[in-house]
Amino acid sequence: MTSLVSEIPAAPSVLAAEHFARRLSLETDCWDVHEAMRSGAVDFVLLDVRGPALYTRSHVPGAINLPHGKMTAHRMAEWPEDTLFVVYCAGPHCNGADRGALRLARLGRPVKLMIGGMTGWADEGLPFVEGAEPGSLADAV
């Protein structure tokens, strides 16, 4: 008897390795971001792409508020060309992080999506902060 799981055979290992390596080149998760920030090994800029009001109400510690619509070549010139950006939004129900990642990629910037966004961060039991971070659009509001 064949299950729905095995009805379609698994891909060859070499294809699976390529697939998952590609996903990890485009995505990171909340725990890895948290661990990097906790350990001080922050080699990326974390961008919250939601609007300033939502950001000010609650966001991931250390994140800068920069809605995807405000990501311009001029604004991104504040960081060196090889800066890795990690973007997030509200969660899986929101495509703001995808839009931000697309915009950054079109600007030639290295980018990864923090899968889960705010929802994933909460699911991991990780802390949030309120208010604005220096350099955020919310800081100017």
Protein backbone atom coordinates (compact mmCIF):
# COMPACT_ATOMS: atom_id res chain seq x y z
CA MET A 1 0.00 0.00 0.00
CA THR A 2 1.40 3.41 -1.04
CA SER A 3 0.79 6.49 1.10
CA LEU A 4 0.12 9.98 -0.19
CA VAL A 5 3.61 10.82 1.09
CA SER A 6 5.40 8.27 -1.06
CA GLU A 7 2.98 8.22 -4.01
CA ILE A 8 5.31 10.65 -5.80
CA PRO A 9 8.86 9.37 -5.35
CA ALA A 10 11.38 11.54 -3.53
CA ALA A 11 13.81 13.46 -5.72
CA PRO A 12 17.31 12.09 -6.12
CA SER A 13 19.59 13.22 -3.29
CA VAL A 14 21.63 15.51 -5.54
CA LEU A 15 18.46 17.40 -6.58
CA ALA A 16 17.26 17.57 -2.98
CA ALA A 17 20.62 18.97 -1.86
CA GLU A 18 20.51 21.63 -4.61
CA HIS A 19 16.93 22.55 -3.72
CA PHE A 20 17.52 22.94 0.02
CA ALA A 21 20.83 24.76 -0.45
CA ARG A 22 19.04 27.20 -2.76
CA ARG A 23 16.28 27.77 -0.19
CA LEU A 24 18.84 28.46 2.52
CA SER A 25 20.57 30.96 0.23
CA LEU A 26 17.29 32.89 0.05
CA GLU A 27 15.83 32.37 3.51
CA THR A 28 16.77 32.30 7.16
CA ASP A 29 14.62 31.68 10.19
CA CYS A 30 13.74 33.60 13.32
CA TRP A 31 15.88 31.48 15.62
CA ASP A 32 19.02 31.94 13.50
CA VAL A 33 18.46 35.71 13.41
CA HIS A 34 17.91 35.76 17.17
CA GLU A 35 21.02 33.67 17.85
CA ALA A 36 23.17 35.90 15.63
CA MET A 37 21.94 38.99 17.45
CA ARG A 38 22.27 37.38 20.90
CA SER A 39 25.84 36.25 20.23
CA GLY A 40 26.89 39.54 18.62
CA ALA A 41 27.64 37.82 15.31
CA VAL A 42 25.47 40.25 13.36
CA ASP A 43 26.77 40.36 9.81
CA PHE A 44 23.51 41.58 8.29
CA VAL A 45 21.02 44.44 8.57
CA LEU A 46 17.58 43.39 9.77
CA LEU A 47 14.78 45.32 8.06
CA ASP A 48 11.18 45.42 9.22
CA VAL A 49 9.27 46.31 6.05
CA ARG A 50 5.94 47.06 7.74
CA GLY A 51 4.63 50.59 8.16
CA PRO A 52 6.05 52.87 10.89
CA ALA A 53 2.95 52.65 13.13
CA LEU A 54 3.05 48.84 13.30
CA TYR A 55 6.81 48.88 13.74
CA THR A 56 6.62 51.35 16.64
CA ARG A 57 3.95 49.25 18.33
CA SER A 58 6.15 46.13 18.28
CA HIS A 59 9.16 44.83 16.36
CA VAL A 60 12.12 42.50 16.51
CA PRO A 61 14.93 44.00 18.62
CA GLY A 62 17.62 45.57 16.44
CA ALA A 63 15.43 45.82 13.35
CA ILE A 64 15.34 49.00 11.31
CA ASN A 65 12.01 50.08 9.89
CA LEU A 66 12.17 50.48 6.12
CA PRO A 67 8.94 49.72 4.24
CA HIS A 68 9.57 48.13 0.86
CA GLY A 69 8.16 51.17 -0.94
CA LYS A 70 10.91 53.32 0.59
CA MET A 71 13.75 51.07 -0.59
CA THR A 72 15.45 53.19 -3.22
CA ALA A 73 18.98 53.16 -4.59
CA HIS A 74 19.55 56.46 -2.79
CA ARG A 75 18.32 55.13 0.57
CA MET A 76 20.19 51.83 0.27
CA ALA A 77 23.42 53.72 -0.52
CA GLU A 78 23.65 54.28 3.26
CA TRP A 79 25.10 50.75 3.44
CA PRO A 80 28.05 49.20 1.59
CA GLU A 81 27.13 47.33 -1.62
CA ASP A 82 27.91 43.93 -0.11
CA THR A 83 25.70 44.38 2.98
CA LEU A 84 23.41 41.41 3.55
CA PHE A 85 19.85 42.47 4.31
CA VAL A 86 17.36 40.25 6.11
CA VAL A 87 13.76 41.33 5.67
CA TYR A 88 10.58 40.45 7.53
CA CYS A 89 6.96 41.56 7.78
CA ALA A 90 3.91 40.47 9.76
CA GLY A 91 4.14 36.78 8.90
CA PRO A 92 3.22 34.11 6.38
CA HIS A 93 -0.04 35.89 5.57
CA CYS A 94 1.85 39.01 4.41
CA ASN A 95 3.86 39.44 1.21
CA GLY A 96 5.62 42.64 2.29
CA ALA A 97 8.87 40.81 3.02
CA ASP A 98 8.77 39.18 -0.41
CA ARG A 99 8.22 42.60 -1.99
CA GLY A 100 11.10 44.05 0.02
CA ALA A 101 13.38 41.15 -0.89
CA LEU A 102 12.47 41.54 -4.56
CA ARG A 103 13.14 45.27 -4.47
CA LEU A 104 16.53 44.77 -2.80
CA ALA A 105 17.48 42.03 -5.26
CA ARG A 106 16.53 44.31 -8.18
CA LEU A 107 18.80 46.96 -6.64
CA GLY A 108 21.62 44.39 -6.73
CA ARG A 109 21.67 43.93 -2.95
CA PRO A 110 22.23 40.61 -1.14
CA VAL A 111 19.01 39.68 0.66
CA LYS A 112 17.38 36.90 2.64
CA LEU A 113 13.84 36.57 3.90
CA MET A 114 13.28 35.82 7.59
CA ILE A 115 10.59 33.19 7.21
CA GLY A 116 7.69 33.50 9.63
CA GLY A 117 8.15 37.23 10.25
CA MET A 118 6.54 38.58 13.40
CA THR A 119 4.33 35.49 13.69
CA GLY A 120 7.34 33.17 13.56
CA TRP A 121 9.22 35.32 16.07
CA ALA A 122 6.27 35.09 18.47
CA ASP A 123 5.91 31.34 17.89
CA GLU A 124 9.55 30.92 18.98
CA GLY A 125 8.75 32.82 22.20
CA LEU A 126 11.29 35.52 21.35
CA PRO A 127 11.00 39.06 22.76
CA PHE A 128 9.69 42.12 20.97
CA VAL A 129 10.42 45.77 21.65
CA GLU A 130 8.36 48.92 21.24
CA GLY A 131 9.31 52.34 19.91
CA ALA A 132 11.76 53.31 17.23
CA GLU A 133 15.34 52.22 16.59
CA PRO A 134 17.89 54.79 15.40
CA GLY A 135 17.85 55.09 11.62
CA SER A 136 14.30 53.80 11.21
CA LEU A 137 11.59 55.64 9.36
CA ALA A 138 9.53 55.25 12.53
CA ASP A 139 12.22 57.26 14.32
CA ALA A 140 11.35 60.24 12.09
CA VAL A 141 7.59 59.99 12.70
